[in-house]
Amino acid sequence: MPKLKTRKTAVKRFKVSATGKLMRRSTKLNHLMRKKSMGARRRLIKGSELFKGDLKRISRMLGEGH
């Protein structure tokens, strides 16, 4: 079986956490930030875990080394 090639766009968008979870960047961080409280902004900056439905597809995009 040939080696899986890593999709570079996926590497730039997703990270694997220390516990092995796939993390993504949160949405709603680009504009209208004045309305959001500091706590809400802090929570958004942390990012969030990838949805279960996307897990298999994205992990395949990241290749074997991730």
PDB file of N, CA and C in Angstrom:
ATOM      1  N   MET A   1       0.843  -1.191   0.000  1.00  0.00           N
ATOM      2  CA  MET A   1       0.000   0.000   0.000  1.00  0.00           C
ATOM      3  C   MET A   1       0.881   1.245   0.000  1.00  0.00           C
ATOM      4  N   PRO A   2       0.600   2.218  -0.885  1.00  0.00           N
ATOM      5  CA  PRO A   2       1.435   3.419  -0.930  1.00  0.00           C
ATOM      6  C   PRO A   2       1.230   4.292   0.302  1.00  0.00           C
ATOM      7  N   LYS A   3       2.250   5.092   0.600  1.00  0.00           N
ATOM      8  CA  LYS A   3       2.169   5.972   1.766  1.00  0.00           C
ATOM      9  C   LYS A   3       1.143   7.074   1.518  1.00  0.00           C
ATOM     10  N   LEU A   4       0.467   7.481   2.596  1.00  0.00           N
ATOM     11  CA  LEU A   4      -0.465   8.603   2.502  1.00  0.00           C
ATOM     12  C   LEU A   4       0.326   9.900   2.469  1.00  0.00           C
ATOM     13  N   LYS A   5       0.002  10.779   1.528  1.00  0.00           N
ATOM     14  CA  LYS A   5       0.655  12.080   1.498  1.00  0.00           C
ATOM     15  C   LYS A   5      -0.145  13.051   2.355  1.00  0.00           C
ATOM     16  N   THR A   6       0.555  13.900   3.057  1.00  0.00           N
ATOM     17  CA  THR A   6      -0.076  14.892   3.915  1.00  0.00           C
ATOM     18  C   THR A   6      -0.602  16.036   3.057  1.00  0.00           C
ATOM     19  N   ARG A   7      -1.828  16.456   3.334  1.00  0.00           N
ATOM     20  CA  ARG A   7      -2.369  17.642   2.648  1.00  0.00           C
ATOM     21  C   ARG A   7      -1.931  18.868   3.433  1.00  0.00           C
ATOM     22  N   LYS A   8      -1.159  19.716   2.794  1.00  0.00           N
ATOM     23  CA  LYS A   8      -0.547  20.848   3.483  1.00  0.00           C
ATOM     24  C   LYS A   8      -1.592  21.843   3.996  1.00  0.00           C
ATOM     25  N   THR A   9      -2.709  21.972   3.298  1.00  0.00           N
ATOM     26  CA  THR A   9      -3.742  22.897   3.778  1.00  0.00           C
ATOM     27  C   THR A   9      -4.344  22.404   5.088  1.00  0.00           C
ATOM     28  N   ALA A  10      -4.467  21.085   5.238  1.00  0.00           N
ATOM     29  CA  ALA A  10      -5.019  20.526   6.472  1.00  0.00           C
ATOM     30  C   ALA A  10      -4.044  20.726   7.628  1.00  0.00           C
ATOM     31  N   VAL A  11      -2.756  20.598   7.371  1.00  0.00           N
ATOM     32  CA  VAL A  11      -1.749  20.786   8.426  1.00  0.00           C
ATOM     33  C   VAL A  11      -1.798  22.207   8.963  1.00  0.00           C
ATOM     34  N   LYS A  12      -2.053  23.172   8.069  1.00  0.00           N
ATOM     35  CA  LYS A  12      -2.097  24.574   8.488  1.00  0.00           C
ATOM     36  C   LYS A  12      -3.350  24.874   9.317  1.00  0.00           C
ATOM     37  N   ARG A  13      -4.425  24.130   9.104  1.00  0.00           N
ATOM     38  CA  ARG A  13      -5.695  24.431   9.766  1.00  0.00           C
ATOM     39  C   ARG A  13      -5.960  23.630  11.030  1.00  0.00           C
ATOM     40  N   PHE A  14      -5.380  22.452  11.145  1.00  0.00           N
ATOM     41  CA  PHE A  14      -5.685  21.578  12.274  1.00  0.00           C
ATOM     42  C   PHE A  14      -4.423  21.189  13.016  1.00  0.00           C
ATOM     43  N   LYS A  15      -4.566  21.035  14.332  1.00  0.00           N
ATOM     44  CA  LYS A  15      -3.433  20.617  15.169  1.00  0.00           C
ATOM     45  C   LYS A  15      -3.882  19.446  16.030  1.00  0.00           C
ATOM     46  N   VAL A  16      -2.941  18.585  16.374  1.00  0.00           N
ATOM     47  CA  VAL A  16      -3.223  17.484  17.278  1.00  0.00           C
ATOM     48  C   VAL A  16      -2.809  17.918  18.681  1.00  0.00           C
ATOM     49  N   SER A  17      -3.731  17.809  19.650  1.00  0.00           N
ATOM     50  CA  SER A  17      -3.428  18.236  21.015  1.00  0.00           C
ATOM     51  C   SER A  17      -2.535  17.208  21.692  1.00  0.00           C
ATOM     52  N   ALA A  18      -2.073  17.527  22.892  1.00  0.00           N
ATOM     53  CA  ALA A  18      -1.181  16.623  23.634  1.00  0.00           C
ATOM     54  C   ALA A  18      -1.877  15.317  23.986  1.00  0.00           C
ATOM     55  N   THR A  19      -3.208  15.365  24.146  1.00  0.00           N
ATOM     56  CA  THR A  19      -3.943  14.150  24.478  1.00  0.00           C
ATOM     57  C   THR A  19      -4.395  13.394  23.243  1.00  0.00           C
ATOM     58  N   GLY A  20      -4.081  13.917  22.049  1.00  0.00           N
ATOM     59  CA  GLY A  20      -4.394  13.212  20.814  1.00  0.00           C
ATOM     60  C   GLY A  20      -5.665  13.673  20.122  1.00  0.00           C
ATOM     61  N   LYS A  21      -6.318  14.716  20.666  1.00  0.00           N
ATOM     62  CA  LYS A  21      -7.532  15.223  20.033  1.00  0.00           C
ATOM     63  C   LYS A  21      -7.163  16.124  18.862  1.00  0.00           C
ATOM     64  N   LEU A  22      -8.003  16.146  17.826  1.00  0.00           N
ATOM     65  CA  LEU A  22      -7.791  17.057  16.708  1.00  0.00           C
ATOM     66  C   LEU A  22      -8.476  18.380  17.037  1.00  0.00           C
ATOM     67  N   MET A  23      -7.724  19.464  16.965  1.00  0.00           N
ATOM     68  CA  MET A  23      -8.240  20.776  17.324  1.00  0.00           C
ATOM     69  C   MET A  23      -8.357  21.645  16.068  1.00  0.00           C
ATOM     70  N   ARG A  24      -9.344  22.543  16.101  1.00  0.00           N
ATOM     71  CA  ARG A  24      -9.537  23.477  14.995  1.00  0.00           C
ATOM     72  C   ARG A  24      -9.648  24.890  15.551  1.00  0.00           C
ATOM     73  N   ARG A  25      -9.539  25.867  14.684  1.00  0.00           N
ATOM     74  CA  ARG A  25      -9.682  27.268  15.078  1.00  0.00           C
ATOM     75  C   ARG A  25     -11.166  27.587  15.222  1.00  0.00           C
ATOM     76  N   SER A  26     -11.515  28.390  16.204  1.00  0.00           N
ATOM     77  CA  SER A  26     -12.911  28.767  16.401  1.00  0.00           C
ATOM     78  C   SER A  26     -13.356  29.776  15.360  1.00  0.00           C
ATOM     79  N   THR A  27     -14.655  29.784  15.084  1.00  0.00           N
ATOM     80  CA  THR A  27     -15.227  30.778  14.181  1.00  0.00           C
ATOM     81  C   THR A  27     -15.597  32.034  14.990  1.00  0.00           C
ATOM     82  N   LYS A  28     -16.062  33.052  14.316  1.00  0.00           N
ATOM     83  CA  LYS A  28     -16.520  34.320  14.922  1.00  0.00           C
ATOM     84  C   LYS A  28     -15.390  35.094  15.587  1.00  0.00           C
ATOM     85  N   LEU A  29     -14.201  35.037  15.017  1.00  0.00           N
ATOM     86  CA  LEU A  29     -13.063  35.758  15.596  1.00  0.00           C
ATOM     87  C   LEU A  29     -12.528  36.853  14.675  1.00  0.00           C
ATOM     88  N   ASN A  30     -13.213  37.134  13.577  1.00  0.00           N
ATOM     89  CA  ASN A  30     -12.640  38.049  12.600  1.00  0.00           C
ATOM     90  C   ASN A  30     -13.074  39.500  12.769  1.00  0.00           C
ATOM     91  N   HIS A  31     -14.334  39.744  13.057  1.00  0.00           N
ATOM     92  CA  HIS A  31     -14.769  41.130  13.189  1.00  0.00           C
ATOM     93  C   HIS A  31     -15.911  41.193  14.186  1.00  0.00           C
ATOM     94  N   LEU A  32     -16.394  42.402  14.472  1.00  0.00           N
ATOM     95  CA  LEU A  32     -17.424  42.651  15.494  1.00  0.00           C
ATOM     96  C   LEU A  32     -16.956  42.178  16.866  1.00  0.00           C
ATOM     97  N   MET A  33     -15.693  42.409  17.168  1.00  0.00           N
ATOM     98  CA  MET A  33     -15.124  41.932  18.420  1.00  0.00           C
ATOM     99  C   MET A  33     -15.513  42.809  19.610  1.00  0.00           C
ATOM    100  N   ARG A  34     -15.876  44.074  19.349  1.00  0.00           N
ATOM    101  CA  ARG A  34     -16.222  44.980  20.459  1.00  0.00           C
ATOM    102  C   ARG A  34     -17.441  44.492  21.224  1.00  0.00           C
ATOM    103  N   LYS A  35     -18.355  43.818  20.513  1.00  0.00           N
ATOM    104  CA  LYS A  35     -19.582  43.330  21.149  1.00  0.00           C
ATOM    105  C   LYS A  35     -19.306  42.182  22.107  1.00  0.00           C
ATOM    106  N   LYS A  36     -18.275  41.433  21.844  1.00  0.00           N
ATOM    107  CA  LYS A  36     -18.015  40.223  22.619  1.00  0.00           C
ATOM    108  C   LYS A  36     -17.257  40.558  23.900  1.00  0.00           C
ATOM    109  N   SER A  37     -17.608  39.886  24.967  1.00  0.00           N
ATOM    110  CA  SER A  37     -16.919  40.117  26.231  1.00  0.00           C
ATOM    111  C   SER A  37     -15.520  39.520  26.171  1.00  0.00           C
ATOM    112  N   MET A  38     -14.657  39.954  27.091  1.00  0.00           N
ATOM    113  CA  MET A  38     -13.288  39.437  27.119  1.00  0.00           C
ATOM    114  C   MET A  38     -13.280  37.931  27.350  1.00  0.00           C
ATOM    115  N   GLY A  39     -14.175  37.458  28.206  1.00  0.00           N
ATOM    116  CA  GLY A  39     -14.246  36.020  28.473  1.00  0.00           C
ATOM    117  C   GLY A  39     -14.621  35.231  27.231  1.00  0.00           C
ATOM    118  N   ALA A  40     -15.571  35.769  26.469  1.00  0.00           N
ATOM    119  CA  ALA A  40     -15.992  35.097  25.232  1.00  0.00           C
ATOM    120  C   ALA A  40     -14.849  35.065  24.236  1.00  0.00           C
ATOM    121  N   ARG A  41     -14.118  36.186  24.134  1.00  0.00           N
ATOM    122  CA  ARG A  41     -12.974  36.241  23.214  1.00  0.00           C
ATOM    123  C   ARG A  41     -11.894  35.257  23.617  1.00  0.00           C
ATOM    124  N   ARG A  42     -11.628  35.162  24.910  1.00  0.00           N
ATOM    125  CA  ARG A  42     -10.612  34.225  25.408  1.00  0.00           C
ATOM    126  C   ARG A  42     -10.987  32.785  25.072  1.00  0.00           C
ATOM    127  N   ARG A  43     -12.262  32.461  25.264  1.00  0.00           N
ATOM    128  CA  ARG A  43     -12.721  31.106  24.945  1.00  0.00           C
ATOM    129  C   ARG A  43     -12.585  30.802  23.458  1.00  0.00           C
ATOM    130  N   LEU A  44     -12.857  31.793  22.622  1.00  0.00           N
ATOM    131  CA  LEU A  44     -12.761  31.584  21.175  1.00  0.00           C
ATOM    132  C   LEU A  44     -11.312  31.399  20.731  1.00  0.00           C
ATOM    133  N   ILE A  45     -10.389  32.133  21.350  1.00  0.00           N
ATOM    134  CA  ILE A  45      -8.984  32.058  20.969  1.00  0.00           C
ATOM    135  C   ILE A  45      -8.415  30.666  21.243  1.00  0.00           C
ATOM    136  N   LYS A  46      -8.928  30.003  22.294  1.00  0.00           N
ATOM    137  CA  LYS A  46      -8.431  28.673  22.649  1.00  0.00           C
ATOM    138  C   LYS A  46      -8.649  27.659  21.542  1.00  0.00           C
ATOM    139  N   GLY A  47      -9.650  27.850  20.709  1.00  0.00           N
ATOM    140  CA  GLY A  47      -9.970  26.866  19.692  1.00  0.00           C
ATOM    141  C   GLY A  47     -10.910  25.823  20.248  1.00  0.00           C
ATOM    142  N   SER A  48     -11.289  24.871  19.425  1.00  0.00           N
ATOM    143  CA  SER A  48     -12.206  23.839  19.896  1.00  0.00           C
ATOM    144  C   SER A  48     -11.889  22.517  19.218  1.00  0.00           C
ATOM    145  N   GLU A  49     -12.475  21.469  19.772  1.00  0.00           N
ATOM    146  CA  GLU A  49     -12.232  20.128  19.264  1.00  0.00           C
ATOM    147  C   GLU A  49     -12.990  19.933  17.949  1.00  0.00           C
ATOM    148  N   LEU A  50     -12.441  19.121  17.082  1.00  0.00           N
ATOM    149  CA  LEU A  50     -13.053  18.841  15.787  1.00  0.00           C
ATOM    150  C   LEU A  50     -14.325  18.028  15.980  1.00  0.00           C
ATOM    151  N   PHE A  51     -15.306  18.220  15.113  1.00  0.00           N
ATOM    152  CA  PHE A  51     -16.555  17.481  15.174  1.00  0.00           C
ATOM    153  C   PHE A  51     -16.316  16.010  14.854  1.00  0.00           C
ATOM    154  N   LYS A  52     -17.072  15.139  15.492  1.00  0.00           N
ATOM    155  CA  LYS A  52     -16.880  13.693  15.307  1.00  0.00           C
ATOM    156  C   LYS A  52     -17.064  13.265  13.853  1.00  0.00           C
ATOM    157  N   GLY A  53     -17.989  13.916  13.138  1.00  0.00           N
ATOM    158  CA  GLY A  53     -18.258  13.550  11.754  1.00  0.00           C
ATOM    159  C   GLY A  53     -17.082  13.823  10.829  1.00  0.00           C
ATOM    160  N   ASP A  54     -16.251  14.801  11.176  1.00  0.00           N
ATOM    161  CA  ASP A  54     -15.113  15.175  10.337  1.00  0.00           C
ATOM    162  C   ASP A  54     -13.830  14.468  10.729  1.00  0.00           C
ATOM    163  N   LEU A  55     -13.837  13.787  11.854  1.00  0.00           N
ATOM    164  CA  LEU A  55     -12.610  13.241  12.437  1.00  0.00           C
ATOM    165  C   LEU A  55     -11.858  12.302  11.494  1.00  0.00           C
ATOM    166  N   LYS A  56     -12.555  11.335  10.927  1.00  0.00           N
ATOM    167  CA  LYS A  56     -11.912  10.335  10.073  1.00  0.00           C
ATOM    168  C   LYS A  56     -11.322  10.986   8.827  1.00  0.00           C
ATOM    169  N   ARG A  57     -12.091  11.876   8.201  1.00  0.00           N
ATOM    170  CA  ARG A  57     -11.665  12.518   6.955  1.00  0.00           C
ATOM    171  C   ARG A  57     -10.443  13.405   7.174  1.00  0.00           C
ATOM    172  N   ILE A  58     -10.459  14.209   8.229  1.00  0.00           N
ATOM    173  CA  ILE A  58      -9.352  15.129   8.492  1.00  0.00           C
ATOM    174  C   ILE A  58      -8.110  14.370   8.927  1.00  0.00           C
ATOM    175  N   SER A  59      -8.262  13.327   9.728  1.00  0.00           N
ATOM    176  CA  SER A  59      -7.085  12.568  10.153  1.00  0.00           C
ATOM    177  C   SER A  59      -6.440  11.872   8.957  1.00  0.00           C
ATOM    178  N   ARG A  60      -7.239  11.473   7.985  1.00  0.00           N
ATOM    179  CA  ARG A  60      -6.682  10.886   6.770  1.00  0.00           C
ATOM    180  C   ARG A  60      -5.931  11.952   5.959  1.00  0.00           C
ATOM    181  N   MET A  61      -6.441  13.184   5.963  1.00  0.00           N
ATOM    182  CA  MET A  61      -5.761  14.282   5.260  1.00  0.00           C
ATOM    183  C   MET A  61      -4.418  14.609   5.893  1.00  0.00           C
ATOM    184  N   LEU A  62      -4.349  14.461   7.224  1.00  0.00           N
ATOM    185  CA  LEU A  62      -3.112  14.793   7.925  1.00  0.00           C
ATOM    186  C   LEU A  62      -2.021  13.742   7.713  1.00  0.00           C
ATOM    187  N   GLY A  63      -2.393  12.568   7.242  1.00  0.00           N
ATOM    188  CA  GLY A  63      -1.401  11.544   6.940  1.00  0.00           C
ATOM    189  C   GLY A  63      -1.010  10.725   8.139  1.00  0.00           C
ATOM    190  N   GLU A  64       0.020   9.902   7.967  1.00  0.00           N
ATOM    191  CA  GLU A  64       0.406   8.944   8.992  1.00  0.00           C
ATOM    192  C   GLU A  64       1.236   9.552  10.109  1.00  0.00           C
ATOM    193  N   GLY A  65       1.917  10.625   9.842  1.00  0.00           N
ATOM    194  CA  GLY A  65       2.827  11.197  10.836  1.00  0.00           C
ATOM    195  C   GLY A  65       2.147  12.036  11.901  1.00  0.00           C
ATOM    196  N   HIS A  66       0.818  12.246  11.778  1.00  0.00           N
ATOM    197  CA  HIS A  66       0.123  13.130  12.728  1.00  0.00           C
ATOM    198  C   HIS A  66      -0.834  12.375  13.586  1.00  0.00           C
TER     199      HIS A  66
END
